[in-house]
Amino acid sequence: MGMNFVRYGAKSFLLIALPSMGGPSELFPVNYGFPLWVVYAVWVVVLLLLYPACLWFARLKQRRNDWWLTYL
C-alpha cells in the first residue's frame, strides 16, 4: 500500500478491495500493480532487513530460559 501511495498518490481506489478480490475494476488504472521483478526486489529487501532481528531473537532464546520466551 505504501508503494502504491508513492506511485499513484492519495487516490480513493487505494482503500478499496482489489479487482482480483471482488473490487470494482473500473476504479483502478489499466496498468495497476507492479512487475514481478519489483515484487521480488521488495521481498529480498524485507528479508535482508528482518534477518538481523530474527538472528538476535534466536540467540536471545538460546541464552535465556525464561518461560515466556517459549510462547514467542
PDB file of N, CA and C in Angstrom:
ATOM      1  N   MET A   1       0.824  -1.183   0.000  1.00  0.00           N
ATOM      2  CA  MET A   1       0.000   0.000   0.000  1.00  0.00           C
ATOM      3  C   MET A   1       0.874   1.255   0.000  1.00  0.00           C
ATOM      4  N   GLY A   2       1.962   1.198   0.738  1.00  0.00           N
ATOM      5  CA  GLY A   2       2.872   2.334   0.765  1.00  0.00           C
ATOM      6  C   GLY A   2       3.487   2.618  -0.592  1.00  0.00           C
ATOM      7  N   MET A   3       3.891   1.563  -1.294  1.00  0.00           N
ATOM      8  CA  MET A   3       4.464   1.755  -2.619  1.00  0.00           C
ATOM      9  C   MET A   3       3.422   2.285  -3.603  1.00  0.00           C
ATOM     10  N   ASN A   4       2.180   1.821  -3.468  1.00  0.00           N
ATOM     11  CA  ASN A   4       1.113   2.337  -4.330  1.00  0.00           C
ATOM     12  C   ASN A   4       0.814   3.794  -4.026  1.00  0.00           C
ATOM     13  N   PHE A   5       0.915   4.195  -2.769  1.00  0.00           N
ATOM     14  CA  PHE A   5       0.708   5.594  -2.409  1.00  0.00           C
ATOM     15  C   PHE A   5       1.782   6.472  -3.043  1.00  0.00           C
ATOM     16  N   VAL A   6       3.024   5.981  -3.027  1.00  0.00           N
ATOM     17  CA  VAL A   6       4.109   6.739  -3.645  1.00  0.00           C
ATOM     18  C   VAL A   6       3.912   6.802  -5.162  1.00  0.00           C
ATOM     19  N   ARG A   7       3.462   5.719  -5.757  1.00  0.00           N
ATOM     20  CA  ARG A   7       3.316   5.655  -7.214  1.00  0.00           C
ATOM     21  C   ARG A   7       2.109   6.446  -7.722  1.00  0.00           C
ATOM     22  N   TYR A   8       0.962   6.313  -7.054  1.00  0.00           N
ATOM     23  CA  TYR A   8      -0.278   6.904  -7.559  1.00  0.00           C
ATOM     24  C   TYR A   8      -0.736   8.135  -6.794  1.00  0.00           C
ATOM     25  N   GLY A   9      -0.179   8.381  -5.626  1.00  0.00           N
ATOM     26  CA  GLY A   9      -0.643   9.492  -4.807  1.00  0.00           C
ATOM     27  C   GLY A   9      -1.849   9.093  -3.971  1.00  0.00           C
ATOM     28  N   ALA A  10      -2.482  10.070  -3.348  1.00  0.00           N
ATOM     29  CA  ALA A  10      -3.644   9.802  -2.479  1.00  0.00           C
ATOM     30  C   ALA A  10      -4.886   9.642  -3.346  1.00  0.00           C
ATOM     31  N   LYS A  11      -5.153   8.455  -3.788  1.00  0.00           N
ATOM     32  CA  LYS A  11      -6.314   8.150  -4.627  1.00  0.00           C
ATOM     33  C   LYS A  11      -7.304   7.317  -3.829  1.00  0.00           C
ATOM     34  N   SER A  12      -8.570   7.422  -4.196  1.00  0.00           N
ATOM     35  CA  SER A  12      -9.608   6.717  -3.445  1.00  0.00           C
ATOM     36  C   SER A  12      -9.544   5.209  -3.651  1.00  0.00           C
ATOM     37  N   PHE A  13      -9.017   4.746  -4.790  1.00  0.00           N
ATOM     38  CA  PHE A  13      -9.001   3.301  -5.034  1.00  0.00           C
ATOM     39  C   PHE A  13      -7.995   2.560  -4.170  1.00  0.00           C
ATOM     40  N   LEU A  14      -7.113   3.259  -3.473  1.00  0.00           N
ATOM     41  CA  LEU A  14      -6.133   2.583  -2.627  1.00  0.00           C
ATOM     42  C   LEU A  14      -6.762   1.981  -1.374  1.00  0.00           C
ATOM     43  N   LEU A  15      -7.953   2.425  -1.021  1.00  0.00           N
ATOM     44  CA  LEU A  15      -8.589   1.965   0.209  1.00  0.00           C
ATOM     45  C   LEU A  15      -9.728   0.977  -0.019  1.00  0.00           C
ATOM     46  N   ILE A  16      -9.924   0.522  -1.248  1.00  0.00           N
ATOM     47  CA  ILE A  16     -10.972  -0.454  -1.519  1.00  0.00           C
ATOM     48  C   ILE A  16     -10.331  -1.767  -1.959  1.00  0.00           C
ATOM     49  N   ALA A  17     -11.152  -2.793  -2.046  1.00  0.00           N
ATOM     50  CA  ALA A  17     -10.652  -4.121  -2.420  1.00  0.00           C
ATOM     51  C   ALA A  17     -10.151  -4.131  -3.859  1.00  0.00           C
ATOM     52  N   LEU A  18      -9.121  -4.911  -4.095  1.00  0.00           N
ATOM     53  CA  LEU A  18      -8.565  -5.057  -5.437  1.00  0.00           C
ATOM     54  C   LEU A  18      -9.563  -5.748  -6.348  1.00  0.00           C
ATOM     55  N   PRO A  19      -9.455  -5.533  -7.657  1.00  0.00           N
ATOM     56  CA  PRO A  19     -10.357  -6.228  -8.575  1.00  0.00           C
ATOM     57  C   PRO A  19     -10.246  -7.752  -8.480  1.00  0.00           C
ATOM     58  N   SER A  20      -9.061  -8.256  -8.186  1.00  0.00           N
ATOM     59  CA  SER A  20      -8.907  -9.708  -8.041  1.00  0.00           C
ATOM     60  C   SER A  20      -9.602 -10.232  -6.787  1.00  0.00           C
ATOM     61  N   MET A  21      -9.990  -9.328  -5.887  1.00  0.00           N
ATOM     62  CA  MET A  21     -10.685  -9.728  -4.666  1.00  0.00           C
ATOM     63  C   MET A  21     -12.146  -9.269  -4.693  1.00  0.00           C
ATOM     64  N   GLY A  22     -12.660  -8.931  -5.866  1.00  0.00           N
ATOM     65  CA  GLY A  22     -14.067  -8.568  -5.999  1.00  0.00           C
ATOM     66  C   GLY A  22     -14.340  -7.080  -6.041  1.00  0.00           C
ATOM     67  N   GLY A  23     -13.313  -6.260  -6.043  1.00  0.00           N
ATOM     68  CA  GLY A  23     -13.499  -4.816  -6.113  1.00  0.00           C
ATOM     69  C   GLY A  23     -13.840  -4.368  -7.527  1.00  0.00           C
ATOM     70  N   PRO A  24     -14.348  -3.156  -7.658  1.00  0.00           N
ATOM     71  CA  PRO A  24     -14.719  -2.660  -8.993  1.00  0.00           C
ATOM     72  C   PRO A  24     -13.484  -2.329  -9.830  1.00  0.00           C
ATOM     73  N   SER A  25     -13.341  -2.972 -10.963  1.00  0.00           N
ATOM     74  CA  SER A  25     -12.138  -2.794 -11.784  1.00  0.00           C
ATOM     75  C   SER A  25     -12.120  -1.455 -12.512  1.00  0.00           C
ATOM     76  N   GLU A  26     -13.257  -0.811 -12.680  1.00  0.00           N
ATOM     77  CA  GLU A  26     -13.275   0.460 -13.405  1.00  0.00           C
ATOM     78  C   GLU A  26     -12.659   1.605 -12.606  1.00  0.00           C
ATOM     79  N   LEU A  27     -12.468   1.449 -11.311  1.00  0.00           N
ATOM     80  CA  LEU A  27     -11.851   2.492 -10.499  1.00  0.00           C
ATOM     81  C   LEU A  27     -10.326   2.461 -10.534  1.00  0.00           C
ATOM     82  N   PHE A  28      -9.768   1.358 -10.982  1.00  0.00           N
ATOM     83  CA  PHE A  28      -8.315   1.174 -10.977  1.00  0.00           C
ATOM     84  C   PHE A  28      -7.726   1.512 -12.343  1.00  0.00           C
ATOM     85  N   PRO A  29      -6.504   2.040 -12.369  1.00  0.00           N
ATOM     86  CA  PRO A  29      -5.850   2.286 -13.659  1.00  0.00           C
ATOM     87  C   PRO A  29      -5.584   0.981 -14.401  1.00  0.00           C
ATOM     88  N   VAL A  30      -5.415   1.085 -15.700  1.00  0.00           N
ATOM     89  CA  VAL A  30      -5.203  -0.116 -16.526  1.00  0.00           C
ATOM     90  C   VAL A  30      -3.925  -0.836 -16.122  1.00  0.00           C
ATOM     91  N   ASN A  31      -2.871  -0.115 -15.840  1.00  0.00           N
ATOM     92  CA  ASN A  31      -1.583  -0.727 -15.500  1.00  0.00           C
ATOM     93  C   ASN A  31      -1.362  -0.774 -13.992  1.00  0.00           C
ATOM     94  N   TYR A  32      -2.403  -0.997 -13.216  1.00  0.00           N
ATOM     95  CA  TYR A  32      -2.287  -1.022 -11.757  1.00  0.00           C
ATOM     96  C   TYR A  32      -1.429  -2.198 -11.328  1.00  0.00           C
ATOM     97  N   GLY A  33      -0.570  -1.958 -10.363  1.00  0.00           N
ATOM     98  CA  GLY A  33       0.286  -3.006  -9.826  1.00  0.00           C
ATOM     99  C   GLY A  33       1.737  -2.804 -10.215  1.00  0.00           C
ATOM    100  N   PHE A  34       2.545  -3.791  -9.890  1.00  0.00           N
ATOM    101  CA  PHE A  34       3.978  -3.728 -10.141  1.00  0.00           C
ATOM    102  C   PHE A  34       4.413  -4.973 -10.887  1.00  0.00           C
ATOM    103  N   PRO A  35       5.496  -4.868 -11.658  1.00  0.00           N
ATOM    104  CA  PRO A  35       6.032  -6.060 -12.327  1.00  0.00           C
ATOM    105  C   PRO A  35       6.578  -7.056 -11.302  1.00  0.00           C
ATOM    106  N   LEU A  36       6.730  -8.282 -11.748  1.00  0.00           N
ATOM    107  CA  LEU A  36       7.181  -9.343 -10.851  1.00  0.00           C
ATOM    108  C   LEU A  36       8.569  -9.073 -10.304  1.00  0.00           C
ATOM    109  N   TRP A  37       9.455  -8.472 -11.087  1.00  0.00           N
ATOM    110  CA  TRP A  37      10.800  -8.210 -10.599  1.00  0.00           C
ATOM    111  C   TRP A  37      10.785  -7.218  -9.448  1.00  0.00           C
ATOM    112  N   VAL A  38       9.844  -6.290  -9.429  1.00  0.00           N
ATOM    113  CA  VAL A  38       9.730  -5.340  -8.313  1.00  0.00           C
ATOM    114  C   VAL A  38       9.269  -6.071  -7.057  1.00  0.00           C
ATOM    115  N   VAL A  39       8.340  -6.991  -7.212  1.00  0.00           N
ATOM    116  CA  VAL A  39       7.860  -7.775  -6.065  1.00  0.00           C
ATOM    117  C   VAL A  39       9.005  -8.581  -5.464  1.00  0.00           C
ATOM    118  N   TYR A  40       9.804  -9.205  -6.317  1.00  0.00           N
ATOM    119  CA  TYR A  40      10.951  -9.970  -5.819  1.00  0.00           C
ATOM    120  C   TYR A  40      11.990  -9.065  -5.166  1.00  0.00           C
ATOM    121  N   ALA A  41      12.220  -7.888  -5.729  1.00  0.00           N
ATOM    122  CA  ALA A  41      13.195  -6.964  -5.144  1.00  0.00           C
ATOM    123  C   ALA A  41      12.742  -6.503  -3.762  1.00  0.00           C
ATOM    124  N   VAL A  42      11.470  -6.196  -3.613  1.00  0.00           N
ATOM    125  CA  VAL A  42      10.947  -5.794  -2.299  1.00  0.00           C
ATOM    126  C   VAL A  42      11.052  -6.956  -1.323  1.00  0.00           C
ATOM    127  N   TRP A  43      10.768  -8.169  -1.791  1.00  0.00           N
ATOM    128  CA  TRP A  43      10.864  -9.345  -0.935  1.00  0.00           C
ATOM    129  C   TRP A  43      12.303  -9.533  -0.424  1.00  0.00           C
ATOM    130  N   VAL A  44      13.280  -9.359  -1.295  1.00  0.00           N
ATOM    131  CA  VAL A  44      14.687  -9.515  -0.892  1.00  0.00           C
ATOM    132  C   VAL A  44      15.071  -8.437   0.111  1.00  0.00           C
ATOM    133  N   VAL A  45      14.644  -7.203  -0.114  1.00  0.00           N
ATOM    134  CA  VAL A  45      14.966  -6.113   0.816  1.00  0.00           C
ATOM    135  C   VAL A  45      14.353  -6.376   2.190  1.00  0.00           C
ATOM    136  N   VAL A  46      13.097  -6.801   2.229  1.00  0.00           N
ATOM    137  CA  VAL A  46      12.449  -7.102   3.513  1.00  0.00           C
ATOM    138  C   VAL A  46      13.166  -8.259   4.207  1.00  0.00           C
ATOM    139  N   LEU A  47      13.547  -9.261   3.446  1.00  0.00           N
ATOM    140  CA  LEU A  47      14.276 -10.396   4.013  1.00  0.00           C
ATOM    141  C   LEU A  47      15.597  -9.958   4.623  1.00  0.00           C
ATOM    142  N   LEU A  48      16.332  -9.112   3.913  1.00  0.00           N
ATOM    143  CA  LEU A  48      17.614  -8.630   4.425  1.00  0.00           C
ATOM    144  C   LEU A  48      17.442  -7.725   5.645  1.00  0.00           C
ATOM    145  N   LEU A  49      16.360  -6.975   5.705  1.00  0.00           N
ATOM    146  CA  LEU A  49      16.124  -6.108   6.859  1.00  0.00           C
ATOM    147  C   LEU A  49      15.686  -6.890   8.090  1.00  0.00           C
ATOM    148  N   LEU A  50      14.943  -7.973   7.899  1.00  0.00           N
ATOM    149  CA  LEU A  50      14.441  -8.743   9.035  1.00  0.00           C
ATOM    150  C   LEU A  50      15.434  -9.778   9.559  1.00  0.00           C
ATOM    151  N   TYR A  51      16.397 -10.179   8.745  1.00  0.00           N
ATOM    152  CA  TYR A  51      17.327 -11.223   9.165  1.00  0.00           C
ATOM    153  C   TYR A  51      18.096 -10.880  10.447  1.00  0.00           C
ATOM    154  N   PRO A  52      18.658  -9.674  10.602  1.00  0.00           N
ATOM    155  CA  PRO A  52      19.365  -9.377  11.863  1.00  0.00           C
ATOM    156  C   PRO A  52      18.465  -9.454  13.095  1.00  0.00           C
ATOM    157  N   ALA A  53      17.228  -9.000  12.978  1.00  0.00           N
ATOM    158  CA  ALA A  53      16.312  -9.071  14.124  1.00  0.00           C
ATOM    159  C   ALA A  53      15.984 -10.518  14.471  1.00  0.00           C
ATOM    160  N   CYS A  54      15.780 -11.346  13.463  1.00  0.00           N
ATOM    161  CA  CYS A  54      15.491 -12.764  13.719  1.00  0.00           C
ATOM    162  C   CYS A  54      16.696 -13.477  14.313  1.00  0.00           C
ATOM    163  N   LEU A  55      17.872 -13.148  13.839  1.00  0.00           N
ATOM    164  CA  LEU A  55      19.100 -13.744  14.378  1.00  0.00           C
ATOM    165  C   LEU A  55      19.299 -13.334  15.831  1.00  0.00           C
ATOM    166  N   TRP A  56      19.065 -12.066  16.135  1.00  0.00           N
ATOM    167  CA  TRP A  56      19.181 -11.597  17.513  1.00  0.00           C
ATOM    168  C   TRP A  56      18.193 -12.333  18.425  1.00  0.00           C
ATOM    169  N   PHE A  57      16.960 -12.489  17.982  1.00  0.00           N
ATOM    170  CA  PHE A  57      15.958 -13.149  18.812  1.00  0.00           C
ATOM    171  C   PHE A  57      16.271 -14.630  18.992  1.00  0.00           C
ATOM    172  N   ALA A  58      16.788 -15.285  17.969  1.00  0.00           N
ATOM    173  CA  ALA A  58      17.167 -16.697  18.102  1.00  0.00           C
ATOM    174  C   ALA A  58      18.289 -16.862  19.113  1.00  0.00           C
ATOM    175  N   ARG A  59      19.252 -15.959  19.084  1.00  0.00           N
ATOM    176  CA  ARG A  59      20.339 -16.028  20.064  1.00  0.00           C
ATOM    177  C   ARG A  59      19.848 -15.701  21.468  1.00  0.00           C
ATOM    178  N   LEU A  60      18.903 -14.803  21.588  1.00  0.00           N
ATOM    179  CA  LEU A  60      18.314 -14.496  22.893  1.00  0.00           C
ATOM    180  C   LEU A  60      17.618 -15.722  23.472  1.00  0.00           C
ATOM    181  N   LYS A  61      16.872 -16.443  22.640  1.00  0.00           N
ATOM    182  CA  LYS A  61      16.186 -17.644  23.112  1.00  0.00           C
ATOM    183  C   LYS A  61      17.165 -18.746  23.503  1.00  0.00           C
ATOM    184  N   GLN A  62      18.338 -18.783  22.876  1.00  0.00           N
ATOM    185  CA  GLN A  62      19.351 -19.766  23.248  1.00  0.00           C
ATOM    186  C   GLN A  62      19.994 -19.423  24.585  1.00  0.00           C
ATOM    187  N   ARG A  63      20.187 -18.128  24.830  1.00  0.00           N
ATOM    188  CA  ARG A  63      20.855 -17.694  26.065  1.00  0.00           C
ATOM    189  C   ARG A  63      19.961 -17.802  27.289  1.00  0.00           C
ATOM    190  N   ARG A  64      18.698 -17.508  27.136  1.00  0.00           N
ATOM    191  CA  ARG A  64      17.807 -17.412  28.292  1.00  0.00           C
ATOM    192  C   ARG A  64      16.756 -18.507  28.257  1.00  0.00           C
ATOM    193  N   ASN A  65      16.319 -18.913  29.418  1.00  0.00           N
ATOM    194  CA  ASN A  65      15.301 -19.951  29.536  1.00  0.00           C
ATOM    195  C   ASN A  65      14.049 -19.425  30.218  1.00  0.00           C
ATOM    196  N   ASP A  66      13.715 -18.180  29.991  1.00  0.00           N
ATOM    197  CA  ASP A  66      12.501 -17.615  30.586  1.00  0.00           C
ATOM    198  C   ASP A  66      11.276 -18.329  30.026  1.00  0.00           C
ATOM    199  N   TRP A  67      10.300 -18.541  30.891  1.00  0.00           N
ATOM    200  CA  TRP A  67       9.117 -19.295  30.488  1.00  0.00           C
ATOM    201  C   TRP A  67       8.330 -18.586  29.394  1.00  0.00           C
ATOM    202  N   TRP A  68       8.314 -17.267  29.402  1.00  0.00           N
ATOM    203  CA  TRP A  68       7.504 -16.540  28.428  1.00  0.00           C
ATOM    204  C   TRP A  68       8.114 -16.540  27.032  1.00  0.00           C
ATOM    205  N   LEU A  69       9.406 -16.834  26.929  1.00  0.00           N
ATOM    206  CA  LEU A  69      10.037 -16.899  25.613  1.00  0.00           C
ATOM    207  C   LEU A  69       9.576 -18.121  24.823  1.00  0.00           C
ATOM    208  N   THR A  70       9.092 -19.123  25.488  1.00  0.00           N
ATOM    209  CA  THR A  70       8.603 -20.306  24.766  1.00  0.00           C
ATOM    210  C   THR A  70       7.310 -19.996  24.021  1.00  0.00           C
ATOM    211  N   TYR A  71       6.610 -18.935  24.388  1.00  0.00           N
ATOM    212  CA  TYR A  71       5.356 -18.569  23.729  1.00  0.00           C
ATOM    213  C   TYR A  71       5.572 -17.646  22.539  1.00  0.00           C
ATOM    214  N   LEU A  72       6.797 -17.195  22.302  1.00  0.00           N
ATOM    215  CA  LEU A  72       7.074 -16.290  21.186  1.00  0.00           C
ATOM    216  C   LEU A  72       7.757 -16.998  20.050  1.00  0.00           C
TER     217      LEU A  72
END
